[in-house]
Amino acid sequence: MTTIQNHLSAVRARIRAACQAAGRSEDAVTLLAVSKTFGAEAVQEAFAAGQTAFGENYIQEAVQKISALSHLPLTWHCIGPIQSNKTRLVAQHFDWVHTVDRLKIAQRLSEQRPPGLPALQVCIQVNMDGGASKSGVPPEDALTLAQQVATLPNLRLRGIMSIPEPAPDFEASCAIFNRVKALFDALNARGLVMDTLSMGMSADLEAAIDAGSTMVRVGTAIFGGRNYFH
């Protein structure tokens, strides 16, 4: 087995254990492998180990990988911030977007989604703890934005995504993730039909799963440390 295959196996074991500890089905959580800064070869290695869903933060870099690997049945998730001048690339190449935090971006994604492609699957990014460096709509504005996104053609609202500031321990992580889950439930109670709660990364996926995450975004624990060049 390759290093990436070994790491994937270990992460899947963590997810299974976390689901069991939370009394949830083992298939209740989707693993999103975050392949930013790693090349197409690393993605191919992960695919060989059974991984098909990949998350990318840097749009230009991602489009090169998506094109190079277009022969493989992969699902690509944009999980990085989106500037207005990059919406067309996202609309043309990605299957999912987790980082919609204002209506203008959602409108451009809808308008620029090419005919013939399925609807772009969308999550609203919520800044739950007010972290100054984090993107995301404030929780109190999430309902309005979600309702607006749900009406746009060529988009399908799937849920919410959040990246809380690192917490000091499991209990503190659970507390903030539980707040995200409560917001998710409140939005659904207002008539939105959402099934995706995207939260949890390499360091805190157990707490996120305990709180009800349906999709964890794991990079370092699969691919190793990153050499940032952005």
C-alpha atoms as a PDB file:
ATOM      1  CA  MET A   1       0.000   0.000   0.000  1.00  0.00           C
ATOM      2  CA  THR A   2       1.122   3.545  -0.669  1.00  0.00           C
ATOM      3  CA  THR A   3       1.401   6.148   2.069  1.00  0.00           C
ATOM      4  CA  ILE A   4      -1.778   7.847   0.828  1.00  0.00           C
ATOM      5  CA  GLN A   5      -3.633   4.515   0.846  1.00  0.00           C
ATOM      6  CA  ASN A   6      -2.471   3.865   4.412  1.00  0.00           C
ATOM      7  CA  HIS A   7      -3.514   7.342   5.513  1.00  0.00           C
ATOM      8  CA  LEU A   8      -6.922   6.999   3.857  1.00  0.00           C
ATOM      9  CA  SER A   9      -7.451   3.704   5.630  1.00  0.00           C
ATOM     10  CA  ALA A  10      -6.590   5.308   8.972  1.00  0.00           C
ATOM     11  CA  VAL A  11      -8.920   8.280   8.387  1.00  0.00           C
ATOM     12  CA  ARG A  12     -11.774   5.974   7.399  1.00  0.00           C
ATOM     13  CA  ALA A  13     -11.191   4.016  10.601  1.00  0.00           C
ATOM     14  CA  ARG A  14     -11.426   7.269  12.596  1.00  0.00           C
ATOM     15  CA  ILE A  15     -14.695   8.143  10.872  1.00  0.00           C
ATOM     16  CA  ARG A  16     -16.133   4.675  11.564  1.00  0.00           C
ATOM     17  CA  ALA A  17     -15.137   4.881  15.223  1.00  0.00           C
ATOM     18  CA  ALA A  18     -16.582   8.383  15.570  1.00  0.00           C
ATOM     19  CA  CYS A  19     -19.864   7.301  13.981  1.00  0.00           C
ATOM     20  CA  GLN A  20     -20.073   4.316  16.332  1.00  0.00           C
ATOM     21  CA  ALA A  21     -19.331   6.517  19.351  1.00  0.00           C
ATOM     22  CA  ALA A  22     -22.084   8.935  18.271  1.00  0.00           C
ATOM     23  CA  GLY A  23     -24.575   6.140  17.608  1.00  0.00           C
ATOM     24  CA  ARG A  24     -24.699   6.999  13.904  1.00  0.00           C
ATOM     25  CA  SER A  25     -24.574   4.781  10.840  1.00  0.00           C
ATOM     26  CA  GLU A  26     -21.066   4.308   9.424  1.00  0.00           C
ATOM     27  CA  ASP A  27     -22.236   5.527   6.019  1.00  0.00           C
ATOM     28  CA  ALA A  28     -23.756   8.731   7.437  1.00  0.00           C
ATOM     29  CA  VAL A  29     -20.542  10.689   6.833  1.00  0.00           C
ATOM     30  CA  THR A  30     -18.869  11.386   3.482  1.00  0.00           C
ATOM     31  CA  LEU A  31     -15.096  11.821   3.410  1.00  0.00           C
ATOM     32  CA  LEU A  32     -13.916  14.725   1.282  1.00  0.00           C
ATOM     33  CA  ALA A  33     -10.186  14.410   0.530  1.00  0.00           C
ATOM     34  CA  VAL A  34      -8.690  17.908   0.396  1.00  0.00           C
ATOM     35  CA  SER A  35      -6.036  17.753  -2.313  1.00  0.00           C
ATOM     36  CA  LYS A  36      -4.998  21.414  -2.502  1.00  0.00           C
ATOM     37  CA  THR A  37      -1.279  21.901  -3.302  1.00  0.00           C
ATOM     38  CA  PHE A  38      -0.933  18.210  -4.210  1.00  0.00           C
ATOM     39  CA  GLY A  39      -0.668  17.129  -7.829  1.00  0.00           C
ATOM     40  CA  ALA A  40      -2.822  14.926 -10.003  1.00  0.00           C
ATOM     41  CA  GLU A  41      -0.642  11.918  -9.120  1.00  0.00           C
ATOM     42  CA  ALA A  42      -1.647  12.171  -5.450  1.00  0.00           C
ATOM     43  CA  VAL A  43      -5.314  12.349  -6.423  1.00  0.00           C
ATOM     44  CA  GLN A  44      -4.864   9.273  -8.632  1.00  0.00           C
ATOM     45  CA  GLU A  45      -3.298   7.409  -5.702  1.00  0.00           C
ATOM     46  CA  ALA A  46      -6.254   8.275  -3.516  1.00  0.00           C
ATOM     47  CA  PHE A  47      -8.662   7.252  -6.262  1.00  0.00           C
ATOM     48  CA  ALA A  48      -6.893   3.887  -6.517  1.00  0.00           C
ATOM     49  CA  ALA A  49      -7.665   3.474  -2.799  1.00  0.00           C
ATOM     50  CA  GLY A  50     -11.365   4.078  -3.428  1.00  0.00           C
ATOM     51  CA  GLN A  51     -11.628   7.836  -2.842  1.00  0.00           C
ATOM     52  CA  THR A  52     -13.786   9.705  -5.372  1.00  0.00           C
ATOM     53  CA  ALA A  53     -14.708  13.032  -3.681  1.00  0.00           C
ATOM     54  CA  PHE A  54     -12.021  15.722  -3.626  1.00  0.00           C
ATOM     55  CA  GLY A  55     -11.937  19.258  -2.225  1.00  0.00           C
ATOM     56  CA  GLU A  56      -9.880  22.108  -3.654  1.00  0.00           C
ATOM     57  CA  ASN A  57      -9.250  25.619  -2.291  1.00  0.00           C
ATOM     58  CA  TYR A  58      -7.317  27.235  -5.130  1.00  0.00           C
ATOM     59  CA  ILE A  59      -9.449  27.487  -8.238  1.00  0.00           C
ATOM     60  CA  GLN A  60      -6.787  27.893 -10.941  1.00  0.00           C
ATOM     61  CA  GLU A  61      -4.781  24.970  -9.567  1.00  0.00           C
ATOM     62  CA  ALA A  62      -7.928  22.866  -9.235  1.00  0.00           C
ATOM     63  CA  VAL A  63      -9.039  23.440 -12.825  1.00  0.00           C
ATOM     64  CA  GLN A  64      -5.710  22.078 -14.073  1.00  0.00           C
ATOM     65  CA  LYS A  65      -6.186  18.920 -11.987  1.00  0.00           C
ATOM     66  CA  ILE A  66      -9.829  18.520 -12.960  1.00  0.00           C
ATOM     67  CA  SER A  67      -8.872  18.716 -16.625  1.00  0.00           C
ATOM     68  CA  ALA A  68      -5.937  16.320 -16.238  1.00  0.00           C
ATOM     69  CA  LEU A  69      -8.127  13.762 -14.451  1.00  0.00           C
ATOM     70  CA  SER A  70     -11.308  14.192 -16.479  1.00  0.00           C
ATOM     71  CA  HIS A  71     -11.131  10.504 -17.480  1.00  0.00           C
ATOM     72  CA  LEU A  72     -11.756   9.455 -13.863  1.00  0.00           C
ATOM     73  CA  PRO A  73     -15.223   9.425 -12.217  1.00  0.00           C
ATOM     74  CA  LEU A  74     -14.382  12.046  -9.575  1.00  0.00           C
ATOM     75  CA  THR A  75     -16.573  14.584  -7.797  1.00  0.00           C
ATOM     76  CA  TRP A  76     -14.932  17.978  -7.269  1.00  0.00           C
ATOM     77  CA  HIS A  77     -15.845  20.318  -4.413  1.00  0.00           C
ATOM     78  CA  CYS A  78     -14.760  23.968  -4.270  1.00  0.00           C
ATOM     79  CA  ILE A  79     -14.029  24.681  -0.612  1.00  0.00           C
ATOM     80  CA  GLY A  80     -12.035  27.908  -0.926  1.00  0.00           C
ATOM     81  CA  PRO A  81     -13.169  31.539  -1.097  1.00  0.00           C
ATOM     82  CA  ILE A  82     -14.539  32.625  -4.465  1.00  0.00           C
ATOM     83  CA  GLN A  83     -13.833  36.038  -5.949  1.00  0.00           C
ATOM     84  CA  SER A  84     -16.215  37.418  -8.557  1.00  0.00           C
ATOM     85  CA  ASN A  85     -13.650  36.994 -11.324  1.00  0.00           C
ATOM     86  CA  LYS A  86     -13.373  33.259 -10.599  1.00  0.00           C
ATOM     87  CA  THR A  87     -17.061  32.322 -10.570  1.00  0.00           C
ATOM     88  CA  ARG A  88     -17.080  31.259 -14.227  1.00  0.00           C
ATOM     89  CA  LEU A  89     -14.265  28.768 -13.693  1.00  0.00           C
ATOM     90  CA  VAL A  90     -16.074  27.344 -10.666  1.00  0.00           C
ATOM     91  CA  ALA A  91     -19.404  27.132 -12.489  1.00  0.00           C
ATOM     92  CA  GLN A  92     -17.787  25.391 -15.459  1.00  0.00           C
ATOM     93  CA  HIS A  93     -15.616  22.834 -13.665  1.00  0.00           C
ATOM     94  CA  PHE A  94     -16.859  21.963 -10.183  1.00  0.00           C
ATOM     95  CA  ASP A  95     -19.710  19.724  -9.016  1.00  0.00           C
ATOM     96  CA  TRP A  96     -20.091  21.283  -5.541  1.00  0.00           C
ATOM     97  CA  VAL A  97     -19.387  24.649  -3.904  1.00  0.00           C
ATOM     98  CA  HIS A  98     -19.192  24.905  -0.091  1.00  0.00           C
ATOM     99  CA  THR A  99     -18.275  28.574   0.227  1.00  0.00           C
ATOM    100  CA  VAL A 100     -21.210  30.685  -0.967  1.00  0.00           C
ATOM    101  CA  ASP A 101     -21.442  33.564   1.527  1.00  0.00           C
ATOM    102  CA  ARG A 102     -23.151  36.310  -0.477  1.00  0.00           C
ATOM    103  CA  LEU A 103     -25.919  36.499  -3.027  1.00  0.00           C
ATOM    104  CA  LYS A 104     -23.798  38.087  -5.766  1.00  0.00           C
ATOM    105  CA  ILE A 105     -21.530  35.028  -5.940  1.00  0.00           C
ATOM    106  CA  ALA A 106     -24.506  32.649  -6.002  1.00  0.00           C
ATOM    107  CA  GLN A 107     -26.156  34.629  -8.810  1.00  0.00           C
ATOM    108  CA  ARG A 108     -22.996  34.562 -10.913  1.00  0.00           C
ATOM    109  CA  LEU A 109     -22.558  30.818 -10.365  1.00  0.00           C
ATOM    110  CA  SER A 110     -26.146  30.239 -11.455  1.00  0.00           C
ATOM    111  CA  GLU A 111     -25.823  32.445 -14.541  1.00  0.00           C
ATOM    112  CA  GLN A 112     -22.479  30.935 -15.570  1.00  0.00           C
ATOM    113  CA  ARG A 113     -23.316  27.237 -15.069  1.00  0.00           C
ATOM    114  CA  PRO A 114     -23.036  25.764 -18.592  1.00  0.00           C
ATOM    115  CA  PRO A 115     -26.181  24.323 -20.182  1.00  0.00           C
ATOM    116  CA  GLY A 116     -26.198  20.552 -20.093  1.00  0.00           C
ATOM    117  CA  LEU A 117     -24.421  20.236 -16.753  1.00  0.00           C
ATOM    118  CA  PRO A 118     -26.360  19.149 -13.658  1.00  0.00           C
ATOM    119  CA  ALA A 119     -27.224  21.808 -11.103  1.00  0.00           C
ATOM    120  CA  LEU A 120     -24.248  23.011  -9.057  1.00  0.00           C
ATOM    121  CA  GLN A 121     -24.591  21.599  -5.535  1.00  0.00           C
ATOM    122  CA  VAL A 122     -24.224  24.473  -3.050  1.00  0.00           C
ATOM    123  CA  CYS A 123     -23.559  24.949   0.653  1.00  0.00           C
ATOM    124  CA  ILE A 124     -23.823  28.303   2.444  1.00  0.00           C
ATOM    125  CA  GLN A 125     -20.673  29.084   4.432  1.00  0.00           C
ATOM    126  CA  VAL A 126     -21.502  30.307   7.930  1.00  0.00           C
ATOM    127  CA  ASN A 127     -19.031  32.101  10.205  1.00  0.00           C
ATOM    128  CA  MET A 128     -20.461  30.655  13.407  1.00  0.00           C
ATOM    129  CA  ASP A 129     -17.938  31.964  15.936  1.00  0.00           C
ATOM    130  CA  GLY A 130     -17.173  35.355  14.392  1.00  0.00           C
ATOM    131  CA  GLY A 131     -13.551  34.535  13.582  1.00  0.00           C
ATOM    132  CA  ALA A 132     -12.125  37.658  11.969  1.00  0.00           C
ATOM    133  CA  SER A 133     -10.057  35.774   9.396  1.00  0.00           C
ATOM    134  CA  LYS A 134     -12.876  33.495   8.297  1.00  0.00           C
ATOM    135  CA  SER A 135     -15.235  33.927   5.382  1.00  0.00           C
ATOM    136  CA  GLY A 136     -18.897  33.197   5.846  1.00  0.00           C
ATOM    137  CA  VAL A 137     -22.243  34.796   6.433  1.00  0.00           C
ATOM    138  CA  PRO A 138     -23.125  35.626  10.074  1.00  0.00           C
ATOM    139  CA  PRO A 139     -25.555  33.051  11.518  1.00  0.00           C
ATOM    140  CA  GLU A 140     -28.327  35.630  11.811  1.00  0.00           C
ATOM    141  CA  ASP A 141     -28.163  36.248   8.033  1.00  0.00           C
ATOM    142  CA  ALA A 142     -27.983  32.594   6.995  1.00  0.00           C
ATOM    143  CA  LEU A 143     -31.727  32.070   6.554  1.00  0.00           C
ATOM    144  CA  THR A 144     -32.139  35.004   4.167  1.00  0.00           C
ATOM    145  CA  LEU A 145     -29.166  33.963   2.043  1.00  0.00           C
ATOM    146  CA  ALA A 146     -30.218  30.300   1.999  1.00  0.00           C
ATOM    147  CA  GLN A 147     -33.746  31.243   0.887  1.00  0.00           C
ATOM    148  CA  GLN A 148     -32.336  33.429  -1.896  1.00  0.00           C
ATOM    149  CA  VAL A 149     -29.933  30.723  -3.101  1.00  0.00           C
ATOM    150  CA  ALA A 150     -32.708  28.111  -3.069  1.00  0.00           C
ATOM    151  CA  THR A 151     -34.628  30.102  -5.707  1.00  0.00           C
ATOM    152  CA  LEU A 152     -31.773  30.351  -8.227  1.00  0.00           C
ATOM    153  CA  PRO A 153     -31.853  28.175 -11.343  1.00  0.00           C
ATOM    154  CA  ASN A 154     -28.852  25.906 -11.995  1.00  0.00           C
ATOM    155  CA  LEU A 155     -28.038  25.706  -8.276  1.00  0.00           C
ATOM    156  CA  ARG A 156     -29.260  23.190  -5.713  1.00  0.00           C
ATOM    157  CA  LEU A 157     -28.994  24.231  -2.072  1.00  0.00           C
ATOM    158  CA  ARG A 158     -27.645  21.243  -0.137  1.00  0.00           C
ATOM    159  CA  GLY A 159     -26.681  22.607   3.271  1.00  0.00           C
ATOM    160  CA  ILE A 160     -24.241  24.672   5.268  1.00  0.00           C
ATOM    161  CA  MET A 161     -20.491  24.619   5.801  1.00  0.00           C
ATOM    162  CA  SER A 162     -18.497  26.051   8.692  1.00  0.00           C
ATOM    163  CA  ILE A 163     -14.839  26.300   9.708  1.00  0.00           C
ATOM    164  CA  PRO A 164     -14.745  27.290  13.383  1.00  0.00           C
ATOM    165  CA  GLU A 165     -11.578  28.582  14.993  1.00  0.00           C
ATOM    166  CA  PRO A 166      -9.513  25.740  16.530  1.00  0.00           C
ATOM    167  CA  ALA A 167     -10.893  24.755  19.928  1.00  0.00           C
ATOM    168  CA  PRO A 168      -8.747  23.728  22.916  1.00  0.00           C
ATOM    169  CA  ASP A 169     -10.381  20.338  23.471  1.00  0.00           C
ATOM    170  CA  PHE A 170     -13.051  17.881  22.326  1.00  0.00           C
ATOM    171  CA  GLU A 171     -15.807  19.399  24.453  1.00  0.00           C
ATOM    172  CA  ALA A 172     -15.157  22.920  23.184  1.00  0.00           C
ATOM    173  CA  SER A 173     -15.126  21.630  19.589  1.00  0.00           C
ATOM    174  CA  CYS A 174     -18.407  19.817  20.171  1.00  0.00           C
ATOM    175  CA  ALA A 175     -19.970  22.978  21.599  1.00  0.00           C
ATOM    176  CA  ILE A 176     -19.279  25.086  18.505  1.00  0.00           C
ATOM    177  CA  PHE A 177     -20.207  22.285  16.098  1.00  0.00           C
ATOM    178  CA  ASN A 178     -23.466  21.772  17.986  1.00  0.00           C
ATOM    179  CA  ARG A 179     -24.277  25.424  17.346  1.00  0.00           C
ATOM    180  CA  VAL A 180     -23.759  24.876  13.617  1.00  0.00           C
ATOM    181  CA  LYS A 181     -25.994  21.798  13.744  1.00  0.00           C
ATOM    182  CA  ALA A 182     -28.692  23.777  15.592  1.00  0.00           C
ATOM    183  CA  LEU A 183     -28.610  26.420  12.845  1.00  0.00           C
ATOM    184  CA  PHE A 184     -28.837  23.699  10.184  1.00  0.00           C
ATOM    185  CA  ASP A 185     -31.886  22.226  11.931  1.00  0.00           C
ATOM    186  CA  ALA A 186     -33.469  25.663  12.327  1.00  0.00           C
ATOM    187  CA  LEU A 187     -33.083  26.418   8.605  1.00  0.00           C
ATOM    188  CA  ASN A 188     -34.643  23.093   7.669  1.00  0.00           C
ATOM    189  CA  ALA A 189     -37.496  23.816  10.079  1.00  0.00           C
ATOM    190  CA  ARG A 190     -38.166  27.008   8.096  1.00  0.00           C
ATOM    191  CA  GLY A 191     -38.902  24.975   4.966  1.00  0.00           C
ATOM    192  CA  LEU A 192     -35.469  24.611   3.408  1.00  0.00           C
ATOM    193  CA  VAL A 193     -34.697  21.041   2.360  1.00  0.00           C
ATOM    194  CA  MET A 194     -31.026  20.493   3.149  1.00  0.00           C
ATOM    195  CA  ASP A 195     -29.139  17.253   3.744  1.00  0.00           C
ATOM    196  CA  THR A 196     -25.492  18.313   4.002  1.00  0.00           C
ATOM    197  CA  LEU A 197     -23.627  19.606   7.039  1.00  0.00           C
ATOM    198  CA  SER A 198     -20.022  20.169   5.944  1.00  0.00           C
ATOM    199  CA  MET A 199     -17.839  20.542   9.044  1.00  0.00           C
ATOM    200  CA  GLY A 200     -14.823  18.887  10.609  1.00  0.00           C
ATOM    201  CA  MET A 201     -11.223  18.541   9.407  1.00  0.00           C
ATOM    202  CA  SER A 202      -8.167  16.424  10.232  1.00  0.00           C
ATOM    203  CA  ALA A 203      -7.850  17.692  13.813  1.00  0.00           C
ATOM    204  CA  ASP A 204     -11.500  17.792  14.870  1.00  0.00           C
ATOM    205  CA  LEU A 205     -13.499  15.367  12.741  1.00  0.00           C
ATOM    206  CA  GLU A 206     -14.547  13.297  15.765  1.00  0.00           C
ATOM    207  CA  ALA A 207     -16.209  16.292  17.439  1.00  0.00           C
ATOM    208  CA  ALA A 208     -17.878  17.298  14.167  1.00  0.00           C
ATOM    209  CA  ILE A 209     -19.287  13.807  13.654  1.00  0.00           C
ATOM    210  CA  ASP A 210     -20.496  13.745  17.260  1.00  0.00           C
ATOM    211  CA  ALA A 211     -22.434  16.947  16.517  1.00  0.00           C
ATOM    212  CA  GLY A 212     -23.974  15.601  13.305  1.00  0.00           C
ATOM    213  CA  SER A 213     -21.594  16.425  10.444  1.00  0.00           C
ATOM    214  CA  THR A 214     -22.429  14.605   7.207  1.00  0.00           C
ATOM    215  CA  MET A 215     -19.228  15.569   5.365  1.00  0.00           C
ATOM    216  CA  VAL A 216     -15.708  15.969   6.773  1.00  0.00           C
ATOM    217  CA  ARG A 217     -12.952  17.738   4.833  1.00  0.00           C
ATOM    218  CA  VAL A 218      -9.615  16.022   5.475  1.00  0.00           C
ATOM    219  CA  GLY A 219      -6.345  16.992   3.822  1.00  0.00           C
ATOM    220  CA  THR A 220      -3.257  16.773   6.031  1.00  0.00           C
ATOM    221  CA  ALA A 221      -4.191  13.416   7.566  1.00  0.00           C
ATOM    222  CA  ILE A 222      -4.438  11.930   4.049  1.00  0.00           C
ATOM    223  CA  PHE A 223      -1.823  13.712   1.956  1.00  0.00           C
ATOM    224  CA  GLY A 224       0.608  14.944   4.641  1.00  0.00           C
ATOM    225  CA  GLY A 225       1.958  18.426   5.294  1.00  0.00           C
ATOM    226  CA  ARG A 226       1.673  21.028   2.565  1.00  0.00           C
ATOM    227  CA  ASN A 227       4.179  23.145   0.723  1.00  0.00           C
ATOM    228  CA  TYR A 228       2.255  26.365   0.270  1.00  0.00           C
ATOM    229  CA  PHE A 229       3.068  28.325  -2.834  1.00  0.00           C
ATOM    230  CA  HIS A 230      -0.012  30.587  -2.996  1.00  0.00           C
END
